[in-house]
Structure formats: structure tokens, C-alpha cells
Amino acid sequence: MVGIIRLNFHINAPIERVATLYQQIERIPEWQYDILEVKDVDGPLRLGAAYTMVYWRMGRRLEQRMTVTRYEPPSVMQQTANTPLGGVMTSTTHLQPSEGGTDVRWQMEYRLPGGLLGSILDKLLFRAAFERTVTQYNANFKALAEGTELPYKPIQGRVMR
């Protein structure tokens, strides 16, 4: 079963500023608060570029290698990855200039491991939890692009044991 999560929001900043921030892979830990670091970036952002995000989840470090599978600056970026726990995901972000700023449409398609059990866990836990997390990521991204204070503070730099 493939799950889909869609979120839309508006940023009070021009598309050029929003796209530039989104393209700065090394800044992901500033807005995705549970990312400890981005490493192994294989050059400038482009179709086929890859990088590794290091998460803090379930009390441990997890790594996820992301590959850019669609790139149409400044308006579209898509990444695909195998998740640390055995799933597959594709995240697509569309930026559209709008009056007073930029409209953002984000979508993630994913498949959890575990067959029927994975589907049940998705319905009971994963979808709502991940939608809440990405809504918080988006609030941080919006704040960075608008130059305001982050509502959710990053964990980077903390010692996690």
C-alpha cells in the first residue's frame, strides 16, 4: 500500500528567497529540527545529486540517503530515498509565486515495510505522527524564509545518548 501525505502553506517571501533556502541542502538541520546533520553531499543541487541526512529518532542516529529525482528550479524539487527502517519515500515540493509571497505544495508518497502489519501501523500511528512532524518542519521553514523566530528549535548540537 502506498500512503500519501499532502500539505500546503504560504510564505510571505518572494519565490527567489524561498527557492534559494530550499536549495541549500546544508541548511536542512536549521528547519528540520530532528536532523543532526547533512553529510556526503555530492556537489551542487541538480538532478541526480545525492546527500545523506542523519536523524535522531527512537533514541538513536539513523541515516537516510536522499537522491534528487526531479529538479526544475525555482519551482520543483523531488527527492527519493529508502528509509532507515526499510520503507521507500518520494517527497515533492512545488513553489508558486502568489500575491505577497510564495505558495508551497508538498507531497510525500511512501511505502512502509511489513505488508499488512505495516499498513495497520500506518493507519494507527505513522501517518498522523509524520504529518504533525512535517507541519512543524514547514512552520520552521516558513520562519527562516520570512526572517522570524523558529517555532520549533533544532536538536543539532545537543549530545544525544
N, C-alpha and C. Protein backbone atom coordinates (compact mmCIF):
# COMPACT_ATOMS: atom_id res chain seq x y z
N MET A 1 0.83 -1.19 0.00
CA MET A 1 0.00 0.00 0.00
C MET A 1 0.88 1.25 0.00
N VAL A 2 0.55 2.19 -0.83
CA VAL A 2 1.26 3.46 -0.89
C VAL A 2 0.46 4.50 -0.13
N GLY A 3 1.11 5.17 0.81
CA GLY A 3 0.49 6.27 1.54
C GLY A 3 0.86 7.58 0.90
N ILE A 4 0.00 8.57 1.05
CA ILE A 4 0.26 9.90 0.51
C ILE A 4 -0.11 10.92 1.58
N ILE A 5 0.80 11.86 1.81
CA ILE A 5 0.52 12.99 2.70
C ILE A 5 0.72 14.25 1.87
N ARG A 6 -0.23 15.17 1.95
CA ARG A 6 -0.15 16.44 1.22
C ARG A 6 -0.32 17.59 2.20
N LEU A 7 0.53 18.59 2.08
CA LEU A 7 0.44 19.78 2.92
C LEU A 7 0.68 21.01 2.04
N ASN A 8 -0.09 22.05 2.28
CA ASN A 8 0.05 23.31 1.56
C ASN A 8 0.19 24.44 2.57
N PHE A 9 1.04 25.42 2.24
CA PHE A 9 1.16 26.58 3.11
C PHE A 9 1.68 27.76 2.31
N HIS A 10 1.60 28.95 2.90
CA HIS A 10 2.01 30.19 2.23
C HIS A 10 3.18 30.79 3.00
N ILE A 11 4.16 31.32 2.26
CA ILE A 11 5.30 32.00 2.86
C ILE A 11 5.28 33.45 2.37
N ASN A 12 5.41 34.38 3.30
CA ASN A 12 5.43 35.80 2.96
C ASN A 12 6.84 36.22 2.56
N ALA A 13 7.31 35.65 1.47
CA ALA A 13 8.63 35.96 0.92
C ALA A 13 8.60 35.61 -0.57
N PRO A 14 9.41 36.31 -1.37
CA PRO A 14 9.41 36.02 -2.81
C PRO A 14 9.95 34.62 -3.12
N ILE A 15 9.51 34.07 -4.23
CA ILE A 15 9.90 32.71 -4.61
C ILE A 15 11.42 32.57 -4.71
N GLU A 16 12.12 33.61 -5.12
CA GLU A 16 13.57 33.53 -5.24
C GLU A 16 14.21 33.24 -3.87
N ARG A 17 13.74 33.91 -2.83
CA ARG A 17 14.29 33.69 -1.50
C ARG A 17 13.92 32.30 -0.99
N VAL A 18 12.68 31.90 -1.21
CA VAL A 18 12.21 30.59 -0.76
C VAL A 18 12.98 29.48 -1.48
N ALA A 19 13.11 29.59 -2.80
CA ALA A 19 13.82 28.57 -3.58
C ALA A 19 15.29 28.49 -3.18
N THR A 20 15.93 29.63 -2.95
CA THR A 20 17.34 29.63 -2.55
C THR A 20 17.51 28.90 -1.23
N LEU A 21 16.64 29.17 -0.26
CA LEU A 21 16.72 28.48 1.03
C LEU A 21 16.50 26.98 0.84
N TYR A 22 15.51 26.62 0.06
CA TYR A 22 15.20 25.20 -0.15
C TYR A 22 16.36 24.47 -0.82
N GLN A 23 17.08 25.16 -1.69
CA GLN A 23 18.18 24.55 -2.44
C GLN A 23 19.46 24.41 -1.61
N GLN A 24 19.51 25.05 -0.46
CA GLN A 24 20.70 24.98 0.39
C GLN A 24 20.59 23.76 1.31
N ILE A 25 20.95 22.62 0.75
CA ILE A 25 20.81 21.33 1.44
C ILE A 25 21.47 21.35 2.82
N GLU A 26 22.63 21.99 2.91
CA GLU A 26 23.36 22.01 4.18
C GLU A 26 22.59 22.72 5.29
N ARG A 27 21.55 23.48 4.95
CA ARG A 27 20.76 24.20 5.96
C ARG A 27 19.55 23.41 6.45
N ILE A 28 19.32 22.21 5.91
CA ILE A 28 18.17 21.41 6.32
C ILE A 28 18.07 21.27 7.84
N PRO A 29 19.17 21.03 8.58
CA PRO A 29 19.03 20.90 10.04
C PRO A 29 18.51 22.15 10.75
N GLU A 30 18.57 23.29 10.09
CA GLU A 30 18.03 24.51 10.69
C GLU A 30 16.51 24.47 10.79
N TRP A 31 15.85 23.79 9.86
CA TRP A 31 14.39 23.79 9.87
C TRP A 31 13.79 22.42 10.12
N GLN A 32 14.49 21.36 9.81
CA GLN A 32 14.02 20.02 10.18
C GLN A 32 14.71 19.68 11.49
N TYR A 33 14.05 19.98 12.58
CA TYR A 33 14.65 20.04 13.91
C TYR A 33 15.24 18.73 14.42
N ASP A 34 14.86 17.59 13.87
CA ASP A 34 15.41 16.32 14.34
C ASP A 34 16.51 15.77 13.43
N ILE A 35 16.98 16.60 12.52
CA ILE A 35 18.11 16.23 11.67
C ILE A 35 19.38 16.74 12.36
N LEU A 36 20.28 15.84 12.65
CA LEU A 36 21.52 16.22 13.30
C LEU A 36 22.51 16.85 12.33
N GLU A 37 22.55 16.30 11.11
CA GLU A 37 23.48 16.81 10.12
C GLU A 37 23.10 16.32 8.72
N VAL A 38 23.63 17.01 7.73
CA VAL A 38 23.56 16.57 6.34
C VAL A 38 25.01 16.34 5.94
N LYS A 39 25.29 15.16 5.37
CA LYS A 39 26.66 14.83 5.01
C LYS A 39 26.70 14.16 3.64
N ASP A 40 27.90 13.94 3.17
CA ASP A 40 28.13 13.25 1.90
C ASP A 40 27.38 13.90 0.74
N VAL A 41 27.33 15.23 0.73
CA VAL A 41 26.69 15.96 -0.37
C VAL A 41 27.63 15.86 -1.57
N ASP A 42 27.11 15.34 -2.69
CA ASP A 42 27.99 15.09 -3.83
C ASP A 42 27.97 16.21 -4.87
N GLY A 43 28.08 17.44 -4.40
CA GLY A 43 28.16 18.57 -5.32
C GLY A 43 26.94 19.45 -5.24
N PRO A 44 26.83 20.42 -6.15
CA PRO A 44 25.70 21.34 -6.12
C PRO A 44 24.38 20.62 -6.41
N LEU A 45 23.30 21.22 -5.95
CA LEU A 45 21.98 20.65 -6.15
C LEU A 45 21.66 20.59 -7.64
N ARG A 46 21.26 19.40 -8.10
CA ARG A 46 20.95 19.16 -9.50
C ARG A 46 20.24 17.82 -9.59
N LEU A 47 19.69 17.52 -10.73
CA LEU A 47 19.09 16.21 -10.97
C LEU A 47 20.16 15.14 -10.76
N GLY A 48 19.87 14.15 -9.95
CA GLY A 48 20.80 13.08 -9.68
C GLY A 48 21.71 13.31 -8.48
N ALA A 49 21.72 14.53 -7.94
CA ALA A 49 22.54 14.82 -6.76
C ALA A 49 22.04 13.97 -5.60
N ALA A 50 22.96 13.67 -4.68
CA ALA A 50 22.59 12.85 -3.52
C ALA A 50 23.26 13.41 -2.27
N TYR A 51 22.64 13.14 -1.13
CA TYR A 51 23.16 13.57 0.16
C TYR A 51 22.56 12.66 1.23
N THR A 52 23.18 12.65 2.40
CA THR A 52 22.71 11.81 3.50
C THR A 52 22.24 12.69 4.64
N MET A 53 21.04 12.44 5.12
CA MET A 53 20.53 13.13 6.30
C MET A 53 20.68 12.18 7.49
N VAL A 54 21.17 12.72 8.60
CA VAL A 54 21.33 11.95 9.83
C VAL A 54 20.26 12.43 10.81
N TYR A 55 19.33 11.54 11.15
CA TYR A 55 18.20 11.85 12.03
C TYR A 55 18.49 11.39 13.45
N TRP A 56 17.76 11.97 14.37
CA TRP A 56 17.70 11.46 15.74
C TRP A 56 16.27 10.95 15.92
N ARG A 57 16.10 9.64 15.91
CA ARG A 57 14.77 9.04 16.05
C ARG A 57 14.87 7.81 16.94
N MET A 58 13.87 7.62 17.74
CA MET A 58 13.76 6.43 18.58
C MET A 58 15.03 6.22 19.42
N GLY A 59 15.62 7.34 19.87
CA GLY A 59 16.77 7.26 20.74
C GLY A 59 18.07 6.90 20.08
N ARG A 60 18.14 7.01 18.75
CA ARG A 60 19.39 6.67 18.07
C ARG A 60 19.53 7.44 16.76
N ARG A 61 20.75 7.42 16.25
CA ARG A 61 21.05 8.06 14.96
C ARG A 61 20.63 7.14 13.83
N LEU A 62 19.92 7.70 12.86
CA LEU A 62 19.52 6.95 11.67
C LEU A 62 19.95 7.76 10.44
N GLU A 63 20.46 7.08 9.44
CA GLU A 63 20.88 7.76 8.22
C GLU A 63 19.96 7.41 7.06
N GLN A 64 19.73 8.42 6.22
CA GLN A 64 18.88 8.22 5.04
C GLN A 64 19.53 8.93 3.86
N ARG A 65 19.85 8.19 2.82
CA ARG A 65 20.46 8.75 1.62
C ARG A 65 19.36 9.24 0.69
N MET A 66 19.39 10.50 0.36
CA MET A 66 18.39 11.13 -0.50
C MET A 66 18.99 11.35 -1.88
N THR A 67 18.18 11.14 -2.93
CA THR A 67 18.60 11.40 -4.30
C THR A 67 17.59 12.33 -4.95
N VAL A 68 18.08 13.38 -5.59
CA VAL A 68 17.20 14.32 -6.29
C VAL A 68 16.76 13.66 -7.60
N THR A 69 15.45 13.43 -7.72
CA THR A 69 14.91 12.72 -8.88
C THR A 69 14.13 13.64 -9.84
N ARG A 70 13.91 14.87 -9.40
CA ARG A 70 13.29 15.87 -10.28
C ARG A 70 13.75 17.23 -9.78
N TYR A 71 14.19 18.07 -10.70
CA TYR A 71 14.71 19.37 -10.30
C TYR A 71 14.44 20.37 -11.41
N GLU A 72 13.53 21.30 -11.14
CA GLU A 72 13.14 22.34 -12.09
C GLU A 72 13.14 23.67 -11.35
N PRO A 73 14.35 24.24 -11.11
CA PRO A 73 14.42 25.47 -10.33
C PRO A 73 13.73 26.62 -11.05
N PRO A 74 13.07 27.51 -10.33
CA PRO A 74 12.98 27.53 -8.88
C PRO A 74 11.73 26.85 -8.33
N SER A 75 10.99 26.15 -9.16
CA SER A 75 9.66 25.76 -8.71
C SER A 75 9.44 24.31 -8.28
N VAL A 76 10.28 23.36 -8.68
CA VAL A 76 10.01 21.96 -8.33
C VAL A 76 11.30 21.26 -7.89
N MET A 77 11.20 20.54 -6.77
CA MET A 77 12.29 19.67 -6.35
C MET A 77 11.68 18.41 -5.77
N GLN A 78 12.24 17.27 -6.17
CA GLN A 78 11.74 15.97 -5.69
C GLN A 78 12.94 15.13 -5.27
N GLN A 79 12.81 14.47 -4.13
CA GLN A 79 13.83 13.57 -3.63
C GLN A 79 13.20 12.21 -3.36
N THR A 80 14.00 11.17 -3.56
CA THR A 80 13.56 9.80 -3.30
C THR A 80 14.59 9.15 -2.39
N ALA A 81 14.11 8.25 -1.51
CA ALA A 81 15.03 7.58 -0.59
C ALA A 81 14.45 6.26 -0.12
N ASN A 82 15.34 5.37 0.26
CA ASN A 82 14.98 4.21 1.06
C ASN A 82 15.10 4.68 2.50
N THR A 83 14.10 4.41 3.31
CA THR A 83 14.12 4.88 4.68
C THR A 83 14.98 3.97 5.55
N PRO A 84 15.46 4.47 6.68
CA PRO A 84 16.33 3.66 7.55
C PRO A 84 15.66 2.38 8.06
N LEU A 85 14.34 2.36 8.09
CA LEU A 85 13.63 1.19 8.62
C LEU A 85 13.09 0.28 7.53
N GLY A 86 13.49 0.51 6.26
CA GLY A 86 13.12 -0.41 5.20
C GLY A 86 12.00 0.04 4.28
N GLY A 87 11.51 1.24 4.43
CA GLY A 87 10.47 1.75 3.54
C GLY A 87 11.08 2.50 2.36
N VAL A 88 10.21 3.07 1.55
CA VAL A 88 10.60 3.88 0.39
C VAL A 88 9.75 5.14 0.43
N MET A 89 10.36 6.30 0.10
CA MET A 89 9.59 7.54 0.08
C MET A 89 10.03 8.43 -1.06
N THR A 90 9.08 9.24 -1.54
CA THR A 90 9.35 10.28 -2.52
C THR A 90 8.67 11.55 -2.03
N SER A 91 9.45 12.60 -1.89
CA SER A 91 8.96 13.89 -1.42
C SER A 91 9.06 14.89 -2.55
N THR A 92 7.96 15.59 -2.84
CA THR A 92 7.93 16.57 -3.93
C THR A 92 7.45 17.91 -3.40
N THR A 93 8.21 18.96 -3.70
CA THR A 93 7.84 20.31 -3.29
C THR A 93 7.66 21.16 -4.54
N HIS A 94 6.50 21.85 -4.61
CA HIS A 94 6.21 22.80 -5.70
C HIS A 94 6.13 24.19 -5.09
N LEU A 95 6.85 25.15 -5.66
CA LEU A 95 6.78 26.55 -5.25
C LEU A 95 6.10 27.35 -6.35
N GLN A 96 5.18 28.21 -5.95
CA GLN A 96 4.44 29.01 -6.92
C GLN A 96 4.36 30.45 -6.41
N PRO A 97 4.82 31.43 -7.21
CA PRO A 97 4.67 32.81 -6.77
C PRO A 97 3.18 33.13 -6.59
N SER A 98 2.88 33.86 -5.56
CA SER A 98 1.50 34.29 -5.36
C SER A 98 1.54 35.68 -4.75
N GLU A 99 0.41 36.31 -4.73
CA GLU A 99 0.33 37.67 -4.21
C GLU A 99 0.91 37.71 -2.80
N GLY A 100 1.92 38.53 -2.62
CA GLY A 100 2.50 38.68 -1.30
C GLY A 100 3.49 37.61 -0.91
N GLY A 101 3.89 36.71 -1.83
CA GLY A 101 4.87 35.70 -1.44
C GLY A 101 4.87 34.48 -2.31
N THR A 102 4.92 33.31 -1.64
CA THR A 102 5.08 32.04 -2.34
C THR A 102 4.15 31.00 -1.74
N ASP A 103 3.40 30.31 -2.58
CA ASP A 103 2.60 29.17 -2.14
C ASP A 103 3.45 27.91 -2.28
N VAL A 104 3.40 27.06 -1.25
CA VAL A 104 4.16 25.82 -1.24
C VAL A 104 3.19 24.66 -1.20
N ARG A 105 3.36 23.72 -2.12
CA ARG A 105 2.61 22.46 -2.11
C ARG A 105 3.62 21.35 -1.91
N TRP A 106 3.42 20.58 -0.87
CA TRP A 106 4.33 19.49 -0.56
C TRP A 106 3.56 18.18 -0.54
N GLN A 107 4.18 17.14 -1.09
CA GLN A 107 3.55 15.82 -1.09
C GLN A 107 4.60 14.75 -0.85
N MET A 108 4.26 13.77 -0.04
CA MET A 108 5.13 12.62 0.15
C MET A 108 4.34 11.35 -0.14
N GLU A 109 4.89 10.53 -1.01
CA GLU A 109 4.37 9.19 -1.24
C GLU A 109 5.33 8.23 -0.56
N TYR A 110 4.80 7.25 0.14
CA TYR A 110 5.67 6.34 0.87
C TYR A 110 5.07 4.94 0.94
N ARG A 111 5.96 4.00 1.17
CA ARG A 111 5.55 2.62 1.38
C ARG A 111 6.32 2.11 2.58
N LEU A 112 5.60 1.67 3.59
CA LEU A 112 6.24 1.12 4.79
C LEU A 112 6.50 -0.36 4.59
N PRO A 113 7.53 -0.88 5.27
CA PRO A 113 7.77 -2.32 5.20
C PRO A 113 6.73 -3.05 6.06
N GLY A 114 6.66 -4.35 5.93
CA GLY A 114 5.84 -5.14 6.84
C GLY A 114 4.50 -5.58 6.30
N GLY A 115 4.21 -5.32 5.03
CA GLY A 115 2.96 -5.79 4.44
C GLY A 115 1.73 -5.30 5.20
N LEU A 116 0.86 -6.24 5.59
CA LEU A 116 -0.39 -5.88 6.29
C LEU A 116 -0.11 -5.19 7.61
N LEU A 117 0.88 -5.67 8.36
CA LEU A 117 1.23 -5.03 9.63
C LEU A 117 1.68 -3.59 9.40
N GLY A 118 2.48 -3.37 8.37
CA GLY A 118 2.90 -2.02 8.03
C GLY A 118 1.73 -1.12 7.70
N SER A 119 0.75 -1.64 6.98
CA SER A 119 -0.45 -0.87 6.64
C SER A 119 -1.25 -0.50 7.89
N ILE A 120 -1.36 -1.43 8.81
CA ILE A 120 -2.08 -1.16 10.06
C ILE A 120 -1.35 -0.11 10.88
N LEU A 121 -0.03 -0.25 11.01
CA LEU A 121 0.76 0.73 11.76
C LEU A 121 0.68 2.11 11.12
N ASP A 122 0.63 2.14 9.79
CA ASP A 122 0.50 3.42 9.09
C ASP A 122 -0.80 4.11 9.51
N LYS A 123 -1.88 3.39 9.46
CA LYS A 123 -3.18 3.97 9.80
C LYS A 123 -3.26 4.37 11.28
N LEU A 124 -2.67 3.57 12.16
CA LEU A 124 -2.77 3.83 13.60
C LEU A 124 -1.77 4.88 14.09
N LEU A 125 -0.56 4.89 13.52
CA LEU A 125 0.50 5.73 14.09
C LEU A 125 1.21 6.63 13.10
N PHE A 126 1.76 6.06 12.05
CA PHE A 126 2.72 6.76 11.22
C PHE A 126 2.15 8.00 10.56
N ARG A 127 1.07 7.86 9.85
CA ARG A 127 0.56 8.98 9.04
C ARG A 127 0.33 10.23 9.89
N ALA A 128 -0.38 10.12 10.98
CA ALA A 128 -0.67 11.29 11.81
C ALA A 128 0.60 11.87 12.42
N ALA A 129 1.50 10.99 12.90
CA ALA A 129 2.73 11.47 13.51
C ALA A 129 3.61 12.17 12.49
N PHE A 130 3.74 11.60 11.30
CA PHE A 130 4.61 12.22 10.31
C PHE A 130 3.99 13.51 9.77
N GLU A 131 2.69 13.54 9.60
CA GLU A 131 2.04 14.77 9.15
C GLU A 131 2.26 15.89 10.17
N ARG A 132 2.17 15.57 11.46
CA ARG A 132 2.42 16.56 12.51
C ARG A 132 3.87 17.05 12.43
N THR A 133 4.82 16.11 12.28
CA THR A 133 6.23 16.48 12.21
C THR A 133 6.51 17.38 11.01
N VAL A 134 6.00 17.02 9.84
CA VAL A 134 6.26 17.82 8.65
C VAL A 134 5.56 19.18 8.74
N THR A 135 4.42 19.26 9.38
CA THR A 135 3.77 20.55 9.60
C THR A 135 4.69 21.45 10.44
N GLN A 136 5.37 20.87 11.42
CA GLN A 136 6.31 21.63 12.24
C GLN A 136 7.56 22.01 11.43
N TYR A 137 8.07 21.09 10.61
CA TYR A 137 9.18 21.43 9.72
C TYR A 137 8.80 22.63 8.84
N ASN A 138 7.59 22.58 8.28
CA ASN A 138 7.14 23.65 7.39
C ASN A 138 7.03 24.98 8.12
N ALA A 139 6.58 24.96 9.37
CA ALA A 139 6.50 26.19 10.17
C ALA A 139 7.90 26.77 10.37
N ASN A 140 8.89 25.91 10.61
CA ASN A 140 10.27 26.38 10.75
C ASN A 140 10.80 26.93 9.43
N PHE A 141 10.52 26.22 8.33
CA PHE A 141 10.99 26.67 7.02
C PHE A 141 10.39 28.05 6.70
N LYS A 142 9.11 28.20 6.95
CA LYS A 142 8.41 29.47 6.73
C LYS A 142 9.08 30.58 7.55
N ALA A 143 9.37 30.30 8.82
CA ALA A 143 10.00 31.30 9.69
C ALA A 143 11.38 31.70 9.16
N LEU A 144 12.18 30.71 8.74
CA LEU A 144 13.50 31.02 8.18
C LEU A 144 13.38 31.91 6.94
N ALA A 145 12.48 31.55 6.04
CA ALA A 145 12.31 32.31 4.80
C ALA A 145 11.80 33.72 5.07
N GLU A 146 10.98 33.87 6.10
CA GLU A 146 10.41 35.18 6.44
C GLU A 146 11.30 35.97 7.40
N GLY A 147 12.35 35.33 7.92
CA GLY A 147 13.24 36.02 8.85
C GLY A 147 12.67 36.21 10.24
N THR A 148 11.83 35.26 10.68
CA THR A 148 11.25 35.34 12.02
C THR A 148 11.78 34.19 12.88
N GLU A 149 11.43 34.20 14.16
CA GLU A 149 11.93 33.19 15.09
C GLU A 149 11.33 31.82 14.79
N LEU A 150 12.17 30.78 14.90
CA LEU A 150 11.70 29.42 14.67
C LEU A 150 10.77 28.97 15.79
N PRO A 151 9.60 28.41 15.45
CA PRO A 151 8.71 27.92 16.50
C PRO A 151 9.18 26.60 17.11
N TYR A 152 9.98 25.81 16.39
CA TYR A 152 10.45 24.50 16.86
C TYR A 152 11.98 24.50 16.76
N LYS A 153 12.64 24.44 17.89
CA LYS A 153 14.10 24.57 17.93
C LYS A 153 14.79 23.28 17.49
N PRO A 154 15.86 23.41 16.68
CA PRO A 154 16.62 22.24 16.23
C PRO A 154 17.34 21.55 17.38
N ILE A 155 17.55 20.24 17.24
CA ILE A 155 18.29 19.49 18.25
C ILE A 155 19.77 19.44 17.91
N GLN A 156 20.17 19.91 16.73
CA GLN A 156 21.57 19.85 16.33
C GLN A 156 22.44 20.49 17.40
N GLY A 157 23.59 19.90 17.62
CA GLY A 157 24.49 20.41 18.63
C GLY A 157 24.25 19.83 20.02
N ARG A 158 23.10 19.21 20.25
CA ARG A 158 22.86 18.57 21.54
C ARG A 158 23.55 17.22 21.56
N VAL A 159 23.99 16.83 22.70
CA VAL A 159 24.57 15.50 22.84
C VAL A 159 23.45 14.53 23.14
N MET A 160 23.28 13.57 22.27
CA MET A 160 22.20 12.58 22.45
C MET A 160 22.82 11.24 22.80
N ARG A 161 22.38 10.65 23.87
CA ARG A 161 22.90 9.33 24.28
C ARG A 161 21.76 8.37 24.48
